[in-house]
Amino acid sequence: MDILQKDTWAELRRLAIAEAEREPILSGHLYDLVIRHRGYPEALAYLIAASLGNQVFNAVAMSDLCNETLAAHPDIITSSLYDLNAVRERDPACENVLIPYLYYKGFKGLQAYRIAHALWEVGRTGVARFMQSRVTEVFALDIHPQARVGRGVFIDHATGIVVGQTSVIVVDAKQTEPGAKDLLAEIAKITPKPVKTALITHSDGDHVNGLVAFPAGTKIIAHENNKKEQETALAAGGRGAPPADKLPNQVVTKTKEALTIDGVKLELYHFAPAHTSGDLIVFLPDQKVCSTGDIVVMNRADDNPNIHFEKNGSTAGWLENVKGMIALNADTYVTGHGDLATKADLQRKLNATTERRNKIAAMIKEGKSLDDIKAALPDAPAPNAPARGAGAAPATGGGGGRGGPAPLTFVETAYQELTKGGRR
């Protein structure tokens, strides 16, 4: 056992024991995934098996396979340790190595890929493809097992990466030039293939402004209203305006457009204005993965979606879009902020938001004022996510640097729609 493995494993066990003492309800979970194991390779094998095992290939059999593969390919352990420490060093939200080890889907999916790659290299292509399929279903990460990936890789959330036959497709482009450069550097560790296509889900700065770092000639695909919103932000100027030379150069105009880019089948949907007027849903039917943009986020309460009224977003359109996404043959939803989601997560959010909007409509019918409704139905933010509107700082990035009044809350937006009023 080298020094890196020894030190990292000691730190993982120490952190797991401390967390088990602090949160006894998690002690069984921590014991199962960390504390009971004799070393990092055994723990990693079980971590992957516990995530990917199913009725076809149970966790015990998969754990045996992972252990055998790691024993035959100790370089996987070294690469995994470099990956784990890369996350800790580069992700400001990561306090220690235990967090990505237990909870980061990008890290766990990458380690499963490394085992699939080793199996592919020794001719066990069927099992390798099975693991690739399970990684795509569980972690929304699709790397062909034949591909070669470097070590020390940090796969960020909310940005989708699809490796095609000769190039890479990226869904959303990060908020800043340094962030996008980091993303492109991480992609280069996964594959030498160049980034040639960027699919943009909406016009907010945290999904668009990183395009400034993308290679010249990148095909940038977005909904036609997204492009109009970016052009409006550019005309207004100011901090946060998108890069002038990286506006969308291919626009989507229909409710559904199916296309194949570099061998990758894609379906692009715009059911109605929702988070903004130019939302684009990206669905990979072969992988059963759907990128939602900010129509669905996991850092807000279920009945409090983020609607940009100032960008002609719509609560009614939000409901229509979520219904449309639920109807897709998708297993995994890559959300705009927060964790991956399931179809059940979307259904729960749809139910909660429908109920809240119906209550607003009923109170309007009763003659209640906007202030009355806001008092009766206040925003209930998710943990650590402040509500928009009163008492919260004005949102940034959503207006592309245009400034202006603070964004409306969900109640205010629904009220304006239901009474057909303008901004007040």
Protein backbone atom coordinates (compact mmCIF):
# COMPACT_ATOMS: atom_id res chain seq x y z
CA MET A 1 0.00 0.00 0.00
CA ASP A 2 1.56 3.31 -1.09
CA ILE A 3 1.48 6.50 0.96
CA LEU A 4 -1.38 8.10 -0.98
CA GLN A 5 -3.60 5.04 -0.55
CA LYS A 6 -2.67 4.63 3.11
CA ASP A 7 -3.29 8.29 3.95
CA THR A 8 -6.53 8.58 1.97
CA TRP A 9 -7.98 5.39 3.41
CA ALA A 10 -7.06 6.45 6.96
CA GLU A 11 -8.77 9.80 6.38
CA LEU A 12 -11.90 8.17 4.92
CA ARG A 13 -12.25 5.84 7.94
CA ARG A 14 -11.59 8.63 10.43
CA LEU A 15 -14.19 10.86 8.79
CA ALA A 16 -16.72 8.02 8.54
CA ILE A 17 -16.33 7.10 12.21
CA ALA A 18 -16.65 10.74 13.26
CA GLU A 19 -19.78 11.17 11.11
CA ALA A 20 -21.30 7.98 12.53
CA GLU A 21 -20.81 9.34 16.04
CA ARG A 22 -22.26 12.71 15.04
CA GLU A 23 -25.23 11.21 13.13
CA PRO A 24 -26.07 7.76 14.58
CA ILE A 25 -28.89 7.37 12.08
CA LEU A 26 -26.21 7.11 9.35
CA SER A 27 -23.99 4.68 11.24
CA GLY A 28 -25.22 1.60 9.36
CA HIS A 29 -24.72 3.33 6.02
CA LEU A 30 -21.20 4.46 6.94
CA TYR A 31 -20.28 1.07 8.38
CA ASP A 32 -21.47 -0.69 5.25
CA LEU A 33 -19.65 1.55 2.75
CA VAL A 34 -16.47 2.43 4.65
CA ILE A 35 -15.81 1.36 8.22
CA ARG A 36 -16.17 -2.43 7.92
CA HIS A 37 -13.80 -2.80 4.98
CA ARG A 38 -10.16 -3.82 5.27
CA GLY A 39 -8.85 -1.29 2.81
CA TYR A 40 -9.64 1.14 0.03
CA PRO A 41 -9.78 -1.41 -2.85
CA GLU A 42 -12.32 -3.60 -1.01
CA ALA A 43 -14.41 -0.58 -0.04
CA LEU A 44 -14.35 0.83 -3.57
CA ALA A 45 -15.43 -2.50 -5.06
CA TYR A 46 -18.39 -2.66 -2.69
CA LEU A 47 -19.30 1.01 -3.27
CA ILE A 48 -19.59 0.38 -7.01
CA ALA A 49 -21.42 -2.92 -6.60
CA ALA A 50 -23.92 -1.45 -4.14
CA SER A 51 -24.72 1.29 -6.64
CA LEU A 52 -24.89 -0.77 -9.84
CA GLY A 53 -26.10 -4.20 -8.74
CA ASN A 54 -29.62 -5.14 -9.83
CA GLN A 55 -31.86 -8.17 -10.34
CA VAL A 56 -29.83 -9.21 -13.40
CA PHE A 57 -26.39 -8.87 -11.79
CA ASN A 58 -26.69 -8.80 -8.02
CA ALA A 59 -24.46 -6.75 -5.76
CA VAL A 60 -22.58 -9.75 -4.34
CA ALA A 61 -21.58 -11.04 -7.78
CA MET A 62 -20.66 -7.54 -8.94
CA SER A 63 -18.58 -6.93 -5.81
CA ASP A 64 -16.64 -10.14 -6.55
CA LEU A 65 -16.08 -9.00 -10.13
CA CYS A 66 -14.90 -5.55 -9.02
CA ASN A 67 -12.54 -7.02 -6.42
CA GLU A 68 -11.01 -9.38 -8.97
CA THR A 69 -10.57 -6.58 -11.49
CA LEU A 70 -9.00 -4.20 -8.98
CA ALA A 71 -6.59 -6.90 -7.83
CA ALA A 72 -5.52 -7.50 -11.43
CA HIS A 73 -5.32 -3.79 -12.26
CA PRO A 74 -3.94 -1.86 -9.26
CA ASP A 75 -3.50 1.19 -11.48
CA ILE A 76 -7.27 1.68 -11.17
CA ILE A 77 -6.85 2.25 -7.44
CA THR A 78 -4.14 4.83 -8.05
CA SER A 79 -6.26 6.66 -10.62
CA SER A 80 -9.26 6.56 -8.27
CA LEU A 81 -7.27 8.13 -5.45
CA TYR A 82 -6.07 10.89 -7.77
CA ASP A 83 -9.70 11.47 -8.83
CA LEU A 84 -10.89 11.64 -5.24
CA ASN A 85 -8.27 14.16 -4.24
CA ALA A 86 -8.90 16.19 -7.42
CA VAL A 87 -12.52 16.66 -6.36
CA ARG A 88 -11.48 17.81 -2.92
CA GLU A 89 -9.00 20.31 -4.35
CA ARG A 90 -11.17 21.75 -7.14
CA ASP A 91 -14.73 21.73 -5.81
CA PRO A 92 -15.26 24.59 -3.33
CA ALA A 93 -18.39 22.85 -2.00
CA CYS A 94 -16.43 19.71 -1.08
CA GLU A 95 -15.26 19.83 2.53
CA ASN A 96 -13.41 16.50 2.61
CA VAL A 97 -12.82 13.27 0.65
CA LEU A 98 -15.70 11.39 2.32
CA ILE A 99 -18.33 13.58 0.65
CA PRO A 100 -17.48 12.78 -3.00
CA TYR A 101 -16.68 9.16 -2.12
CA LEU A 102 -20.17 8.61 -0.71
CA TYR A 103 -22.33 11.03 -2.65
CA TYR A 104 -20.83 12.38 -5.89
CA LYS A 105 -22.28 10.51 -8.84
CA GLY A 106 -19.54 11.79 -11.14
CA PHE A 107 -16.84 10.24 -8.97
CA LYS A 108 -18.61 6.90 -8.53
CA GLY A 109 -19.55 6.67 -12.21
CA LEU A 110 -15.95 7.34 -13.24
CA GLN A 111 -14.63 4.54 -11.02
CA ALA A 112 -17.17 2.12 -12.46
CA TYR A 113 -16.08 3.17 -15.94
CA ARG A 114 -12.44 2.39 -15.01
CA ILE A 115 -13.42 -1.18 -14.11
CA ALA A 116 -15.48 -1.51 -17.31
CA HIS A 117 -12.48 -0.31 -19.32
CA ALA A 118 -10.21 -2.92 -17.72
CA LEU A 119 -12.76 -5.63 -18.55
CA TRP A 120 -13.01 -4.39 -22.13
CA GLU A 121 -9.23 -4.51 -22.51
CA VAL A 122 -9.11 -8.21 -21.59
CA GLY A 123 -11.91 -9.11 -23.99
CA ARG A 124 -14.86 -9.18 -21.56
CA THR A 125 -16.81 -6.72 -23.70
CA GLY A 126 -20.27 -8.01 -22.78
CA VAL A 127 -19.80 -7.36 -19.07
CA ALA A 128 -18.11 -4.05 -19.86
CA ARG A 129 -21.11 -2.93 -21.91
CA PHE A 130 -23.47 -4.02 -19.13
CA MET A 131 -21.56 -1.86 -16.65
CA GLN A 132 -21.58 1.05 -19.11
CA SER A 133 -25.36 0.72 -19.37
CA ARG A 134 -25.80 0.65 -15.59
CA VAL A 135 -23.47 3.65 -15.13
CA THR A 136 -25.58 5.61 -17.61
CA GLU A 137 -28.82 4.64 -15.84
CA VAL A 138 -27.62 5.28 -12.29
CA PHE A 139 -25.12 8.13 -12.67
CA ALA A 140 -26.10 9.79 -16.00
CA LEU A 141 -22.49 9.40 -17.16
CA ASP A 142 -21.84 7.72 -20.51
CA ILE A 143 -18.21 6.87 -21.34
CA HIS A 144 -17.56 4.05 -23.78
CA PRO A 145 -15.51 1.35 -22.00
CA GLN A 146 -12.99 1.36 -24.84
CA ALA A 147 -12.17 5.04 -24.23
CA ARG A 148 -9.02 5.94 -22.32
CA VAL A 149 -9.32 8.40 -19.43
CA GLY A 150 -6.52 10.05 -17.50
CA ARG A 151 -6.24 10.31 -13.74
CA GLY A 152 -7.07 13.16 -11.39
CA VAL A 153 -10.43 13.79 -13.12
CA PHE A 154 -13.19 15.90 -11.55
CA ILE A 155 -16.58 15.53 -13.27
CA ASP A 156 -18.78 18.45 -12.26
CA HIS A 157 -22.57 18.38 -11.94
CA ALA A 158 -25.24 20.15 -14.03
CA THR A 159 -23.10 20.08 -17.19
CA GLY A 160 -23.72 17.14 -19.50
CA ILE A 161 -20.92 15.55 -21.50
CA VAL A 162 -21.54 13.09 -24.34
CA VAL A 163 -18.62 11.53 -26.22
CA GLY A 164 -19.52 10.95 -29.87
CA GLN A 165 -17.68 9.07 -32.60
CA THR A 166 -15.18 11.85 -33.32
CA SER A 167 -16.07 14.71 -30.98
CA VAL A 168 -17.65 15.74 -27.68
CA ILE A 169 -21.09 17.28 -27.13
CA VAL A 170 -21.54 19.48 -24.04
CA VAL A 171 -24.87 20.47 -22.50
CA ASP A 172 -24.53 23.96 -20.97
CA ALA A 173 -21.30 25.87 -20.70
CA LYS A 174 -20.64 26.99 -17.08
CA GLN A 175 -20.84 30.54 -15.73
CA THR A 176 -17.33 31.90 -16.19
CA GLU A 177 -14.37 31.58 -18.51
CA PRO A 178 -12.18 29.94 -15.81
CA GLY A 179 -14.98 27.47 -14.98
CA ALA A 180 -15.37 26.56 -18.64
CA LYS A 181 -11.61 26.16 -19.05
CA ASP A 182 -11.60 23.77 -16.09
CA LEU A 183 -14.47 21.84 -17.72
CA LEU A 184 -12.63 21.58 -21.04
CA ALA A 185 -9.47 20.44 -19.23
CA GLU A 186 -11.42 17.69 -17.47
CA ILE A 187 -12.95 16.58 -20.78
CA ALA A 188 -9.45 16.38 -22.26
CA LYS A 189 -8.54 13.90 -19.52
CA ILE A 190 -11.49 11.72 -20.50
CA THR A 191 -10.96 11.82 -24.25
CA PRO A 192 -8.66 13.46 -26.81
CA LYS A 193 -11.71 14.15 -29.01
CA PRO A 194 -12.45 17.88 -29.41
CA VAL A 195 -15.55 19.68 -28.18
CA LYS A 196 -17.48 20.64 -31.29
CA THR A 197 -21.08 21.08 -30.09
CA ALA A 198 -22.71 22.92 -27.18
CA LEU A 199 -26.41 22.52 -26.43
CA ILE A 200 -27.70 25.40 -24.29
CA THR A 201 -30.81 24.81 -22.18
CA HIS A 202 -31.59 28.49 -21.46
CA SER A 203 -30.08 31.97 -21.45
CA ASP A 204 -29.10 32.46 -17.80
CA GLY A 205 -25.49 33.53 -17.36
CA ASP A 206 -24.52 30.52 -15.25
CA HIS A 207 -25.28 28.26 -18.23
CA VAL A 208 -24.09 30.52 -21.08
CA ASN A 209 -21.20 32.79 -20.17
CA GLY A 210 -18.55 30.06 -20.16
CA LEU A 211 -18.96 29.77 -23.93
CA VAL A 212 -16.28 32.45 -24.22
CA ALA A 213 -13.71 29.70 -23.52
CA PHE A 214 -15.09 27.22 -26.06
CA PRO A 215 -13.16 26.56 -29.28
CA ALA A 216 -13.78 28.75 -32.31
CA GLY A 217 -16.24 27.12 -34.66
CA THR A 218 -18.20 25.36 -31.92
CA LYS A 219 -21.75 24.61 -33.04
CA ILE A 220 -23.99 26.29 -30.43
CA ILE A 221 -27.57 25.02 -30.47
CA ALA A 222 -30.37 26.72 -28.50
CA HIS A 223 -34.04 27.60 -28.79
CA GLU A 224 -34.77 30.66 -30.93
CA ASN A 225 -36.12 32.58 -27.91
CA ASN A 226 -32.91 31.84 -26.00
CA LYS A 227 -30.94 33.58 -28.75
CA LYS A 228 -33.34 36.55 -28.64
CA GLU A 229 -32.90 36.82 -24.86
CA GLN A 230 -29.11 36.80 -25.22
CA GLU A 231 -29.28 39.46 -27.93
CA THR A 232 -31.45 41.60 -25.64
CA ALA A 233 -28.95 41.21 -22.81
CA LEU A 234 -26.08 42.17 -25.13
CA ALA A 235 -27.92 45.25 -26.34
CA ALA A 236 -28.51 46.33 -22.74
CA GLY A 237 -24.85 45.74 -21.85
CA GLY A 238 -23.65 45.54 -18.30
CA ARG A 239 -22.13 42.91 -16.11
CA GLY A 240 -23.11 39.35 -16.93
CA ALA A 241 -23.93 39.89 -20.60
CA PRO A 242 -23.17 36.79 -22.69
CA PRO A 243 -20.12 36.66 -25.03
CA ALA A 244 -21.00 38.52 -28.24
CA ASP A 245 -19.09 36.13 -30.51
CA LYS A 246 -20.62 32.99 -28.99
CA LEU A 247 -24.33 33.45 -29.62
CA PRO A 248 -26.31 30.39 -30.80
CA ASN A 249 -25.57 29.63 -34.47
CA GLN A 250 -28.27 26.97 -34.82
CA VAL A 251 -31.74 27.48 -33.37
CA VAL A 252 -34.60 25.16 -32.52
CA THR A 253 -38.04 26.38 -33.61
CA LYS A 254 -40.33 23.37 -33.14
CA THR A 255 -41.84 21.61 -30.13
CA LYS A 256 -39.68 18.57 -30.93
CA GLU A 257 -36.62 18.23 -33.13
CA ALA A 258 -34.83 14.89 -33.50
CA LEU A 259 -31.27 14.91 -34.79
CA THR A 260 -28.10 12.86 -34.77
CA ILE A 261 -24.82 14.59 -33.99
CA ASP A 262 -21.62 12.63 -34.52
CA GLY A 263 -23.46 9.33 -34.11
CA VAL A 264 -25.36 10.43 -30.99
CA LYS A 265 -29.16 10.42 -31.20
CA LEU A 266 -30.76 13.47 -29.58
CA GLU A 267 -34.28 14.76 -29.11
CA LEU A 268 -34.73 18.46 -28.32
CA TYR A 269 -38.02 19.66 -26.80
CA HIS A 270 -39.60 23.06 -26.14
CA PHE A 271 -43.13 22.39 -24.91
CA ALA A 272 -43.78 25.99 -23.79
CA PRO A 273 -42.06 28.88 -21.98
CA ALA A 274 -41.31 27.72 -18.43
CA HIS A 275 -38.18 28.85 -16.54
CA THR A 276 -37.63 31.28 -19.43
CA SER A 277 -39.23 31.77 -22.86
CA GLY A 278 -36.39 29.87 -24.51
CA ASP A 279 -36.01 26.65 -22.52
CA LEU A 280 -34.64 23.60 -24.32
CA ILE A 281 -34.92 20.05 -22.97
CA VAL A 282 -32.20 17.66 -24.18
CA PHE A 283 -33.11 13.96 -24.27
CA LEU A 284 -30.76 11.09 -25.18
CA PRO A 285 -33.18 8.25 -25.99
CA ASP A 286 -30.56 5.50 -26.20
CA GLN A 287 -29.16 6.39 -22.77
CA LYS A 288 -32.58 7.33 -21.32
CA VAL A 289 -31.06 10.53 -19.90
CA CYS A 290 -32.80 13.91 -19.96
CA SER A 291 -31.17 17.30 -19.24
CA THR A 292 -33.83 19.59 -17.80
CA GLY A 293 -32.00 22.90 -17.54
CA ASP A 294 -33.38 25.06 -14.75
CA ILE A 295 -36.96 23.91 -15.37
CA VAL A 296 -36.14 21.32 -12.71
CA VAL A 297 -33.75 22.10 -9.86
CA MET A 298 -33.20 20.17 -6.66
CA ASN A 299 -32.14 23.06 -4.42
CA ARG A 300 -35.63 24.58 -4.12
CA ALA A 301 -38.83 23.35 -2.50
CA ASP A 302 -40.98 21.07 -4.64
CA ASP A 303 -43.76 23.67 -5.00
CA ASN A 304 -41.41 26.60 -5.67
CA PRO A 305 -39.88 26.28 -9.16
CA ASN A 306 -37.73 29.11 -10.45
CA ILE A 307 -39.72 31.07 -13.04
CA HIS A 308 -38.17 34.14 -14.71
CA PHE A 309 -41.22 36.35 -15.32
CA GLU A 310 -38.84 39.00 -16.68
CA LYS A 311 -37.84 36.52 -19.41
CA ASN A 312 -41.46 35.59 -20.13
CA GLY A 313 -41.29 32.38 -18.15
CA SER A 314 -44.60 30.81 -17.20
CA THR A 315 -45.97 28.74 -14.33
CA ALA A 316 -48.53 27.14 -16.67
CA GLY A 317 -45.74 26.40 -19.13
CA TRP A 318 -43.65 24.92 -16.34
CA LEU A 319 -46.39 22.40 -15.60
CA GLU A 320 -46.64 21.54 -19.31
CA ASN A 321 -42.88 20.98 -19.59
CA VAL A 322 -42.66 18.75 -16.55
CA LYS A 323 -45.56 16.66 -17.79
CA GLY A 324 -43.74 16.35 -21.10
CA MET A 325 -40.51 15.24 -19.44
CA ILE A 326 -42.31 12.66 -17.31
CA ALA A 327 -43.79 11.20 -20.51
CA LEU A 328 -40.31 10.65 -21.99
CA ASN A 329 -38.76 7.19 -21.70
CA ALA A 330 -36.11 8.56 -19.35
CA ASP A 331 -34.63 6.94 -16.25
CA THR A 332 -32.39 9.83 -15.17
CA TYR A 333 -32.88 13.59 -15.23
CA VAL A 334 -29.84 15.88 -15.07
CA THR A 335 -31.19 18.96 -13.30
CA GLY A 336 -30.06 22.56 -13.60
CA HIS A 337 -28.94 22.74 -9.97
CA GLY A 338 -28.53 20.01 -7.38
CA ASP A 339 -28.62 16.23 -7.60
CA LEU A 340 -29.84 14.03 -10.41
CA ALA A 341 -33.57 13.36 -10.36
CA THR A 342 -35.86 10.44 -11.13
CA LYS A 343 -39.28 10.31 -12.76
CA ALA A 344 -40.75 10.03 -9.25
CA ASP A 345 -38.97 13.26 -8.24
CA LEU A 346 -40.50 15.09 -11.20
CA GLN A 347 -43.95 13.70 -10.46
CA ARG A 348 -43.67 14.83 -6.83
CA LYS A 349 -42.67 18.35 -7.91
CA LEU A 350 -45.46 18.45 -10.49
CA ASN A 351 -48.06 17.45 -7.89
CA ALA A 352 -46.83 19.98 -5.32
CA THR A 353 -46.63 22.86 -7.79
CA THR A 354 -50.01 22.07 -9.34
CA GLU A 355 -51.59 22.09 -5.88
CA ARG A 356 -49.99 25.41 -4.96
CA ARG A 357 -50.99 27.05 -8.25
CA ASN A 358 -54.56 25.78 -7.84
CA LYS A 359 -54.70 27.34 -4.37
CA ILE A 360 -53.55 30.66 -5.83
CA ALA A 361 -56.28 30.45 -8.48
CA ALA A 362 -58.90 29.64 -5.84
CA MET A 363 -57.89 32.60 -3.65
CA ILE A 364 -58.03 34.95 -6.65
CA LYS A 365 -61.57 33.71 -7.34
CA GLU A 366 -62.42 34.50 -3.73
CA GLY A 367 -61.26 38.08 -4.27
CA LYS A 368 -58.08 37.85 -2.22
CA SER A 369 -55.35 40.40 -2.87
CA LEU A 370 -51.82 39.50 -3.91
CA ASP A 371 -50.57 40.40 -0.42
CA ASP A 372 -53.19 38.11 1.12
CA ILE A 373 -52.12 35.22 -1.10
CA LYS A 374 -48.40 35.81 -0.44
CA ALA A 375 -49.06 35.77 3.29
CA ALA A 376 -51.09 32.55 3.05
CA LEU A 377 -48.73 30.74 0.66
CA PRO A 378 -45.18 31.88 1.43
CA ASP A 379 -42.22 30.37 -0.39
CA ALA A 380 -40.85 27.32 1.40
CA PRO A 381 -37.24 27.02 0.23
CA ALA A 382 -35.26 23.82 0.33
CA PRO A 383 -32.50 23.65 2.97
CA ASN A 384 -29.83 26.28 2.38
CA ALA A 385 -31.73 27.75 -0.58
CA PRO A 386 -33.30 31.14 0.24
CA ALA A 387 -36.64 32.03 -1.28
CA ARG A 388 -36.69 34.52 -4.11
CA GLY A 389 -38.40 37.83 -3.59
CA ALA A 390 -38.88 39.68 -0.31
CA GLY A 391 -36.02 39.27 2.09
CA ALA A 392 -33.71 37.75 -0.51
CA ALA A 393 -30.98 39.43 -2.49
CA PRO A 394 -31.91 40.20 -6.09
CA ALA A 395 -31.05 37.33 -8.39
CA THR A 396 -28.01 37.79 -10.62
CA GLY A 397 -27.20 36.27 -13.95
CA GLY A 398 -30.86 35.65 -14.85
CA GLY A 399 -31.23 38.97 -16.64
CA GLY A 400 -27.97 38.73 -18.54
CA GLY A 401 -26.65 41.85 -16.83
CA ARG A 402 -29.71 43.98 -17.55
CA GLY A 403 -30.38 44.92 -13.94
CA GLY A 404 -33.90 46.14 -13.14
CA PRO A 405 -36.38 45.10 -10.46
CA ALA A 406 -35.97 41.96 -8.40
CA PRO A 407 -37.40 38.78 -9.92
CA LEU A 408 -40.95 37.89 -9.01
CA THR A 409 -41.66 35.02 -6.65
CA PHE A 410 -43.65 32.01 -7.81
CA VAL A 411 -46.82 33.39 -6.18
CA GLU A 412 -46.34 36.79 -7.82
CA THR A 413 -45.72 35.21 -11.22
CA ALA A 414 -48.75 32.91 -10.99
CA TYR A 415 -50.90 35.84 -9.82
CA GLN A 416 -49.90 37.98 -12.82
CA GLU A 417 -50.63 35.10 -15.18
CA LEU A 418 -53.98 34.19 -13.64
CA THR A 419 -55.18 37.81 -13.48
CA LYS A 420 -53.51 38.64 -16.81
CA GLY A 421 -51.73 41.53 -15.14
CA GLY A 422 -48.31 43.00 -15.85
CA ARG A 423 -45.39 43.47 -13.53
CA ARG A 424 -46.33 45.60 -10.53
